[in-house]
Amino acid sequence: MTTMRATPTTFPSTSARRPYTSPSLRPSSPRRASASSSVVVRASAASASASARLLDRHLPVDRYSHDGLRQVHASPDVFVVDDFLSTRSCDELVRRAREKGDMTQSPVVYAGWTSDVERWTSTTASGPAVWMGALTMLIGSAAFGQSGLGLLAEGVAMYFGAVGAAYLGGVAYVKKREAELRELRTSTSTALDGTGFGELELIEAVEKLLPGTSRSRYEAPTVIRYERGQKLAPHFDANRCADAEDANRGGQTLATVLVYLNDVDNGGQTVFGRLDGRLGVAPRRGRALVFFPANAAGDFDDRVEHEGAEALDEKWIVRVWVHENEVKKPYGLVDCD
C-alpha cells in the first residue's frame, strides 16, 4: 500500500464535456546510449503500450447518454458525470441508509488470498518439505537402523506435516493482513435492496451509461458514510483471483460507478495515485465517477488503484459494481432472480 504524498488534482463542477489531455513531456538532456540499451528501452515501451491497449478494452460507454459526462483521464479511461442523480434521489438514498439502521464498518477482503496460500504451500511442497522428509528418512536409517515401509512412512508423514504447516501459516498470514486492512478502512456502510426510487433511478442511469450491461450483473447499491477524519487507504476494486474468490458474487468487477450523495467542501476526494498528477475527483452531490477495475475480458488493471482522502466534512457515497456474470442473492438486486 502507498500513502498520499501530494495534494491531488481536482476537477470543478461543470457540465461541459472536456477531454483529458496529459501534460506535455519535456525532452531530457541528450545523452549517449548504446544500441543495445536503446533496443531494450524501445521493446519495453512497446510491451507496456501493448499491455495498456489490451487493458483499455473495457465495457463500452455511451458518451452521449448524459449531458454532464466528460472524460478526465485516458488510458486508463476515467469519466465524471455531473447530475448523474437528482438531488431528490441523493437525499432518498441517504435517508434509506439511515433508516435501515445497520451501518457497520465497511467490509475489507484481502483479495488474492487463495494465490498467496497456494504459493506458500507449493513452495514448501517442492522444496523444504522434500528435504525434511528425506532428512527424516536419513536419520532414521543411520541412527536407528530403520528400513523398508516403516522408514518410508516416517518420511512421508514429515513431508505432509511440513506442507500442512505451510498451509496453516499462509492462512494465518491472510488473517493478519485482513486485520491490518480493516484498520485502513474506517467508513461505515450498508447495502440496499434496489427497490427505493433513488436506487431505481441509479440503476437505470447505470444501464443507460453502460449499454450492453444489465442489472442482473449489478451488485446491490452500497451506501457508504465517511465521518470527519475517516478515509480509505489505496486499494483495488478488482481481484486477480476473482474466479475463485468472487464466484458467488458475479466474478470479476468490470466497472465501478460511484456517486457522491452530498457536497463536500473540505477533503474527501477520490484519488488515483498512479495516474498523472495524482488525479483526484471532488465530491459533488449527484456527480458520478466511473472507471474500470478490469477490462471487458476480466483482466486486472493495477493502474486504477485509488483511495478515499480524509474527509474533513461528512461524506456520503453510493457504489454500484458491475460484474462479469450474474450476481445472485444476497449480493444482487432483489428483482433479478
Protein backbone atom coordinates (compact mmCIF):
# COMPACT_ATOMS: atom_id res chain seq x y z
CA MET A 1 0.00 0.00 0.00
CA THR A 2 1.15 3.52 -0.77
CA THR A 3 0.25 6.62 1.17
CA MET A 4 -0.81 10.03 -0.04
CA ARG A 5 2.19 12.17 -0.90
CA ALA A 6 0.77 15.25 -2.60
CA THR A 7 -2.38 17.28 -2.90
CA PRO A 8 -4.48 15.70 -5.67
CA THR A 9 -5.60 17.50 -8.78
CA THR A 10 -9.36 18.13 -8.53
CA PHE A 11 -11.92 18.85 -11.19
CA PRO A 12 -14.51 21.58 -10.62
CA SER A 13 -18.19 21.01 -11.20
CA THR A 14 -19.17 21.68 -14.81
CA SER A 15 -21.44 20.02 -17.33
CA ALA A 16 -19.27 20.84 -20.33
CA ARG A 17 -17.54 17.91 -21.98
CA ARG A 18 -13.82 18.31 -21.68
CA PRO A 19 -11.41 15.61 -22.85
CA TYR A 20 -8.44 14.97 -20.60
CA THR A 21 -5.06 15.89 -22.04
CA SER A 22 -1.80 14.78 -20.48
CA PRO A 23 0.85 17.38 -19.64
CA SER A 24 3.41 17.73 -22.41
CA LEU A 25 6.61 15.83 -21.83
CA ARG A 26 9.78 17.86 -21.95
CA PRO A 27 12.71 16.12 -23.62
CA SER A 28 15.52 15.19 -21.30
CA SER A 29 19.06 16.41 -21.90
CA PRO A 30 20.85 14.48 -24.65
CA ARG A 31 22.94 11.52 -23.54
CA ARG A 32 24.82 8.76 -25.24
CA ALA A 33 23.37 5.28 -25.17
CA SER A 34 24.43 2.02 -26.69
CA ALA A 35 22.39 0.50 -29.50
CA SER A 36 21.53 -2.50 -27.33
CA SER A 37 20.16 -0.36 -24.48
CA SER A 38 18.12 1.65 -26.98
CA VAL A 39 16.57 -1.55 -28.31
CA VAL A 40 15.71 -2.70 -24.78
CA VAL A 41 14.04 0.63 -23.98
CA ARG A 42 12.02 0.56 -27.20
CA ALA A 43 10.99 -3.06 -26.63
CA SER A 44 9.95 -2.29 -23.05
CA ALA A 45 7.93 0.74 -24.15
CA ALA A 46 6.24 -1.26 -26.90
CA SER A 47 5.36 -4.02 -24.45
CA ALA A 48 3.89 -1.52 -21.99
CA SER A 49 1.93 0.13 -24.77
CA ALA A 50 0.52 -3.20 -25.95
CA SER A 51 -0.48 -4.09 -22.39
CA ALA A 52 -2.21 -0.72 -21.95
CA ARG A 53 -4.13 -1.15 -25.20
CA LEU A 54 -5.35 -4.53 -24.02
CA LEU A 55 -6.46 -3.19 -20.63
CA ASP A 56 -8.18 -0.22 -22.29
CA ARG A 57 -10.71 -2.56 -23.91
CA HIS A 58 -13.24 -2.02 -21.15
CA LEU A 59 -17.02 -2.13 -21.16
CA PRO A 60 -18.43 0.33 -23.71
CA VAL A 61 -19.58 3.76 -22.52
CA ASP A 62 -22.36 5.75 -24.20
CA ARG A 63 -20.67 9.13 -24.27
CA TYR A 64 -23.94 10.83 -25.28
CA SER A 65 -26.09 9.27 -22.58
CA HIS A 66 -25.71 12.13 -20.08
CA ASP A 67 -25.16 15.82 -20.75
CA GLY A 68 -22.78 16.11 -17.80
CA LEU A 69 -20.40 13.36 -18.94
CA ARG A 70 -16.76 14.20 -19.53
CA GLN A 71 -13.57 12.16 -19.68
CA VAL A 72 -10.95 13.22 -17.14
CA HIS A 73 -8.27 10.66 -17.97
CA ALA A 74 -7.39 8.47 -20.92
CA SER A 75 -5.63 5.08 -20.74
CA PRO A 76 -6.93 4.15 -18.30
CA ASP A 77 -10.25 5.81 -19.02
CA VAL A 78 -11.88 7.65 -16.14
CA PHE A 79 -15.16 9.53 -16.52
CA VAL A 80 -17.05 12.05 -14.42
CA VAL A 81 -20.78 12.60 -14.91
CA ASP A 82 -22.32 15.65 -13.25
CA ASP A 83 -26.04 15.47 -12.41
CA PHE A 84 -25.99 11.70 -12.79
CA LEU A 85 -28.54 11.51 -9.97
CA SER A 86 -31.15 14.07 -8.94
CA THR A 87 -30.91 15.83 -5.59
CA ARG A 88 -34.13 14.10 -4.56
CA SER A 89 -32.66 10.65 -5.25
CA CYS A 90 -29.40 11.51 -3.46
CA ASP A 91 -31.31 12.56 -0.36
CA GLU A 92 -33.52 9.48 -0.59
CA LEU A 93 -30.52 7.14 -0.68
CA VAL A 94 -29.04 8.75 2.44
CA ARG A 95 -32.42 8.58 4.19
CA ARG A 96 -32.87 4.90 3.30
CA ALA A 97 -29.41 4.04 4.58
CA ARG A 98 -30.02 5.89 7.85
CA GLU A 99 -33.43 4.28 8.39
CA LYS A 100 -32.12 0.80 7.68
CA GLY A 101 -30.14 1.20 10.89
CA ASP A 102 -27.46 -1.40 10.23
CA MET A 103 -24.50 0.66 9.03
CA THR A 104 -21.35 -1.11 10.21
CA GLN A 105 -17.65 -0.80 9.44
CA SER A 106 -17.17 -1.22 5.71
CA PRO A 107 -16.01 -4.77 4.98
CA VAL A 108 -12.47 -5.42 3.82
CA VAL A 109 -11.40 -8.56 2.00
CA TYR A 110 -7.79 -9.49 1.33
CA ALA A 111 -8.11 -10.09 -2.40
CA GLY A 112 -5.74 -12.69 -3.73
CA TRP A 113 -5.57 -14.76 -0.57
CA THR A 114 -6.03 -18.03 -2.47
CA SER A 115 -2.98 -17.23 -4.59
CA ASP A 116 -0.87 -16.39 -1.55
CA VAL A 117 -1.83 -19.54 0.35
CA GLU A 118 -1.23 -21.65 -2.76
CA ARG A 119 2.19 -20.06 -3.26
CA TRP A 120 3.22 -20.70 0.36
CA THR A 121 2.05 -24.32 0.15
CA SER A 122 3.50 -25.14 -3.28
CA THR A 123 6.87 -23.56 -2.44
CA THR A 124 7.12 -25.65 0.69
CA ALA A 125 5.91 -28.81 -1.09
CA SER A 126 8.52 -28.53 -3.83
CA GLY A 127 11.47 -27.66 -1.61
CA PRO A 128 11.66 -27.61 2.21
CA ALA A 129 9.11 -30.39 2.72
CA VAL A 130 11.00 -32.73 0.40
CA TRP A 131 14.27 -32.08 2.22
CA MET A 132 12.64 -32.53 5.62
CA GLY A 133 11.13 -35.85 4.55
CA ALA A 134 14.44 -37.04 3.12
CA LEU A 135 16.33 -35.90 6.23
CA THR A 136 13.89 -37.79 8.46
CA MET A 137 14.48 -40.96 6.47
CA LEU A 138 18.26 -40.45 6.51
CA ILE A 139 18.34 -40.01 10.29
CA GLY A 140 16.04 -42.97 10.77
CA SER A 141 18.27 -45.17 8.66
CA ALA A 142 21.64 -44.01 10.01
CA ALA A 143 20.83 -43.54 13.69
CA PHE A 144 18.16 -46.14 14.32
CA GLY A 145 18.75 -48.69 11.61
CA GLN A 146 15.26 -48.31 10.19
CA SER A 147 14.40 -49.53 6.71
CA GLY A 148 11.52 -50.55 4.49
CA LEU A 149 7.95 -49.29 4.70
CA GLY A 150 8.29 -48.01 8.25
CA LEU A 151 11.10 -45.65 7.28
CA LEU A 152 9.18 -44.53 4.19
CA ALA A 153 6.07 -43.84 6.27
CA GLU A 154 8.02 -41.56 8.61
CA GLY A 155 9.45 -39.63 5.64
CA VAL A 156 6.01 -39.22 4.07
CA ALA A 157 4.50 -38.13 7.40
CA MET A 158 7.18 -35.47 7.81
CA TYR A 159 6.60 -34.27 4.22
CA PHE A 160 2.87 -33.83 4.63
CA GLY A 161 3.32 -32.34 8.09
CA ALA A 162 5.57 -29.64 6.62
CA VAL A 163 3.10 -28.94 3.80
CA GLY A 164 0.22 -28.70 6.28
CA ALA A 165 2.18 -26.32 8.48
CA ALA A 166 2.90 -24.14 5.45
CA TYR A 167 -0.81 -24.05 4.56
CA LEU A 168 -1.78 -23.05 8.11
CA GLY A 169 0.98 -20.43 8.09
CA GLY A 170 -0.42 -18.99 4.86
CA VAL A 171 -3.94 -18.82 6.32
CA ALA A 172 -2.61 -17.09 9.44
CA TYR A 173 -0.81 -14.53 7.25
CA VAL A 174 -4.04 -13.82 5.35
CA LYS A 175 -5.95 -13.25 8.61
CA LYS A 176 -3.23 -10.88 9.80
CA ARG A 177 -3.37 -8.90 6.54
CA GLU A 178 -7.18 -8.66 6.72
CA ALA A 179 -6.93 -7.27 10.25
CA GLU A 180 -4.38 -4.69 9.08
CA LEU A 181 -6.58 -3.70 6.15
CA ARG A 182 -9.62 -3.22 8.39
CA GLU A 183 -7.68 -0.56 10.27
CA LEU A 184 -7.16 1.30 6.99
CA ARG A 185 -10.88 1.47 6.18
CA THR A 186 -12.82 3.37 8.80
CA SER A 187 -16.05 4.19 6.96
CA THR A 188 -19.43 2.57 7.65
CA SER A 189 -21.74 1.14 5.01
CA THR A 190 -24.91 -0.76 4.25
CA ALA A 191 -26.29 -2.48 1.14
CA LEU A 192 -29.75 -1.51 -0.11
CA ASP A 193 -32.10 -3.85 -1.97
CA GLY A 194 -32.65 -1.72 -5.08
CA THR A 195 -36.37 -1.11 -4.56
CA GLY A 196 -36.40 2.56 -3.46
CA PHE A 197 -36.95 5.24 -6.10
CA GLY A 198 -33.42 6.60 -5.57
CA GLU A 199 -31.96 3.14 -6.19
CA LEU A 200 -34.16 2.61 -9.25
CA GLU A 201 -33.03 5.92 -10.75
CA LEU A 202 -29.42 4.93 -10.06
CA ILE A 203 -29.75 1.51 -11.71
CA GLU A 204 -31.49 2.98 -14.77
CA ALA A 205 -28.76 5.62 -15.10
CA VAL A 206 -26.05 2.93 -14.97
CA GLU A 207 -27.79 0.85 -17.64
CA LYS A 208 -28.07 3.97 -19.83
CA LEU A 209 -24.38 4.82 -19.35
CA LEU A 210 -23.06 1.29 -19.91
CA PRO A 211 -25.04 -0.17 -22.81
CA GLY A 212 -24.89 -3.92 -23.10
CA THR A 213 -24.84 -4.45 -19.35
CA SER A 214 -27.90 -5.48 -17.39
CA ARG A 215 -28.98 -5.10 -13.80
CA SER A 216 -28.65 -8.86 -13.32
CA ARG A 217 -24.86 -8.28 -13.27
CA TYR A 218 -25.01 -5.38 -10.78
CA GLU A 219 -24.30 -5.71 -7.11
CA ALA A 220 -26.97 -4.10 -4.97
CA PRO A 221 -26.17 -0.42 -4.31
CA THR A 222 -23.95 0.08 -1.26
CA VAL A 223 -24.24 3.37 0.63
CA ILE A 224 -21.02 4.38 2.41
CA ARG A 225 -20.61 7.11 5.02
CA TYR A 226 -17.33 8.82 5.89
CA GLU A 227 -17.42 10.86 9.07
CA ARG A 228 -14.96 13.65 9.77
CA GLY A 229 -11.41 12.27 9.81
CA GLN A 230 -12.27 8.97 8.12
CA LYS A 231 -10.58 7.76 4.93
CA LEU A 232 -9.87 4.72 2.80
CA ALA A 233 -6.32 3.61 2.01
CA PRO A 234 -5.20 2.85 -1.58
CA HIS A 235 -6.88 -0.28 -2.90
CA PHE A 236 -8.27 -2.04 -5.97
CA ASP A 237 -11.89 -2.92 -6.79
CA ALA A 238 -10.94 -5.90 -8.97
CA ASN A 239 -9.37 -9.15 -7.84
CA ARG A 240 -6.57 -11.11 -9.51
CA CYS A 241 -8.21 -14.29 -8.17
CA ALA A 242 -11.83 -13.34 -8.90
CA ASP A 243 -12.69 -16.69 -10.49
CA ALA A 244 -12.02 -18.47 -7.20
CA GLU A 245 -12.76 -15.82 -4.59
CA ASP A 246 -15.67 -13.85 -6.12
CA ALA A 247 -17.54 -16.60 -7.95
CA ASN A 248 -20.52 -16.27 -5.60
CA ARG A 249 -20.90 -12.56 -6.34
CA GLY A 250 -20.62 -12.49 -10.13
CA GLY A 251 -16.89 -12.92 -10.66
CA GLN A 252 -14.59 -10.10 -11.71
CA THR A 253 -15.56 -6.45 -11.19
CA LEU A 254 -15.58 -4.84 -14.64
CA ALA A 255 -16.84 -1.35 -13.79
CA THR A 256 -17.23 0.87 -10.74
CA VAL A 257 -19.91 3.56 -10.69
CA LEU A 258 -19.54 5.72 -7.60
CA VAL A 259 -21.97 8.58 -6.95
CA TYR A 260 -21.43 11.32 -4.38
CA LEU A 261 -24.62 12.00 -2.41
CA ASN A 262 -23.64 15.31 -0.82
CA ASP A 263 -21.30 18.23 -1.40
CA VAL A 264 -18.03 18.04 0.50
CA ASP A 265 -16.21 21.35 0.63
CA ASN A 266 -13.15 20.11 2.52
CA GLY A 267 -11.32 16.88 1.72
CA GLY A 268 -12.87 13.59 0.72
CA GLN A 269 -11.57 13.43 -2.86
CA THR A 270 -11.28 10.11 -4.63
CA VAL A 271 -7.63 9.97 -5.65
CA PHE A 272 -5.93 7.82 -8.29
CA GLY A 273 -2.35 7.87 -7.06
CA ARG A 274 -0.82 6.10 -10.06
CA LEU A 275 -2.27 8.44 -12.68
CA ASP A 276 -0.85 11.71 -13.99
CA GLY A 277 -0.57 14.33 -11.26
CA ARG A 278 -2.41 12.13 -8.73
CA LEU A 279 -5.78 12.53 -10.41
CA GLY A 280 -8.44 13.46 -7.88
CA VAL A 281 -12.19 13.98 -8.10
CA ALA A 282 -14.02 16.22 -5.63
CA PRO A 283 -17.35 15.07 -4.14
CA ARG A 284 -20.34 16.99 -5.51
CA ARG A 285 -23.93 15.93 -4.97
CA GLY A 286 -25.22 13.83 -7.86
CA ARG A 287 -21.79 13.51 -9.52
CA ALA A 288 -20.75 10.05 -10.70
CA LEU A 289 -17.21 8.76 -11.00
CA VAL A 290 -16.83 5.88 -13.46
CA PHE A 291 -13.76 3.71 -14.03
CA PHE A 292 -12.87 0.15 -14.95
CA PRO A 293 -11.03 -2.09 -12.45
CA ALA A 294 -10.65 -4.74 -15.18
CA ASN A 295 -11.12 -4.86 -18.93
CA ALA A 296 -14.14 -6.49 -20.57
CA ALA A 297 -12.34 -9.85 -20.56
CA GLY A 298 -11.79 -9.64 -16.80
CA ASP A 299 -8.07 -8.81 -16.86
CA PHE A 300 -7.00 -6.99 -13.68
CA ASP A 301 -5.87 -3.36 -14.20
CA ASP A 302 -3.48 -2.16 -11.48
CA ARG A 303 -3.36 1.36 -12.93
CA VAL A 304 -6.67 2.30 -11.28
CA GLU A 305 -5.56 1.88 -7.68
CA HIS A 306 -7.47 4.56 -5.77
CA GLU A 307 -8.12 5.88 -2.29
CA GLY A 308 -10.62 7.98 -0.38
CA ALA A 309 -8.79 11.03 1.00
CA GLU A 310 -9.52 12.06 4.56
CA ALA A 311 -12.93 13.67 4.87
CA LEU A 312 -12.87 16.97 6.75
CA ASP A 313 -16.64 17.13 6.33
CA GLU A 314 -19.12 14.25 6.38
CA LYS A 315 -19.26 12.41 3.03
CA TRP A 316 -21.90 10.06 1.65
CA ILE A 317 -21.50 7.97 -1.49
CA VAL A 318 -23.31 5.11 -3.19
CA ARG A 319 -21.46 2.49 -5.22
CA VAL A 320 -22.55 0.01 -7.86
CA TRP A 321 -20.18 -2.69 -9.07
CA VAL A 322 -20.80 -4.23 -12.50
CA HIS A 323 -19.62 -7.83 -12.62
CA GLU A 324 -18.65 -10.27 -15.32
CA ASN A 325 -21.52 -12.67 -14.59
CA GLU A 326 -24.93 -12.67 -12.98
CA VAL A 327 -24.95 -11.58 -9.32
CA LYS A 328 -27.29 -13.63 -7.18
CA LYS A 329 -28.63 -13.03 -3.68
CA PRO A 330 -27.61 -11.88 -1.19
CA TYR A 331 -25.33 -9.64 -3.28
CA GLY A 332 -27.57 -8.88 -6.26
CA LEU A 333 -30.73 -6.87 -6.75
CA VAL A 334 -33.97 -8.35 -5.44
CA ASP A 335 -35.85 -8.17 -8.74
CA CYS A 336 -33.22 -10.02 -10.78
CA ASP A 337 -33.79 -13.61 -9.61
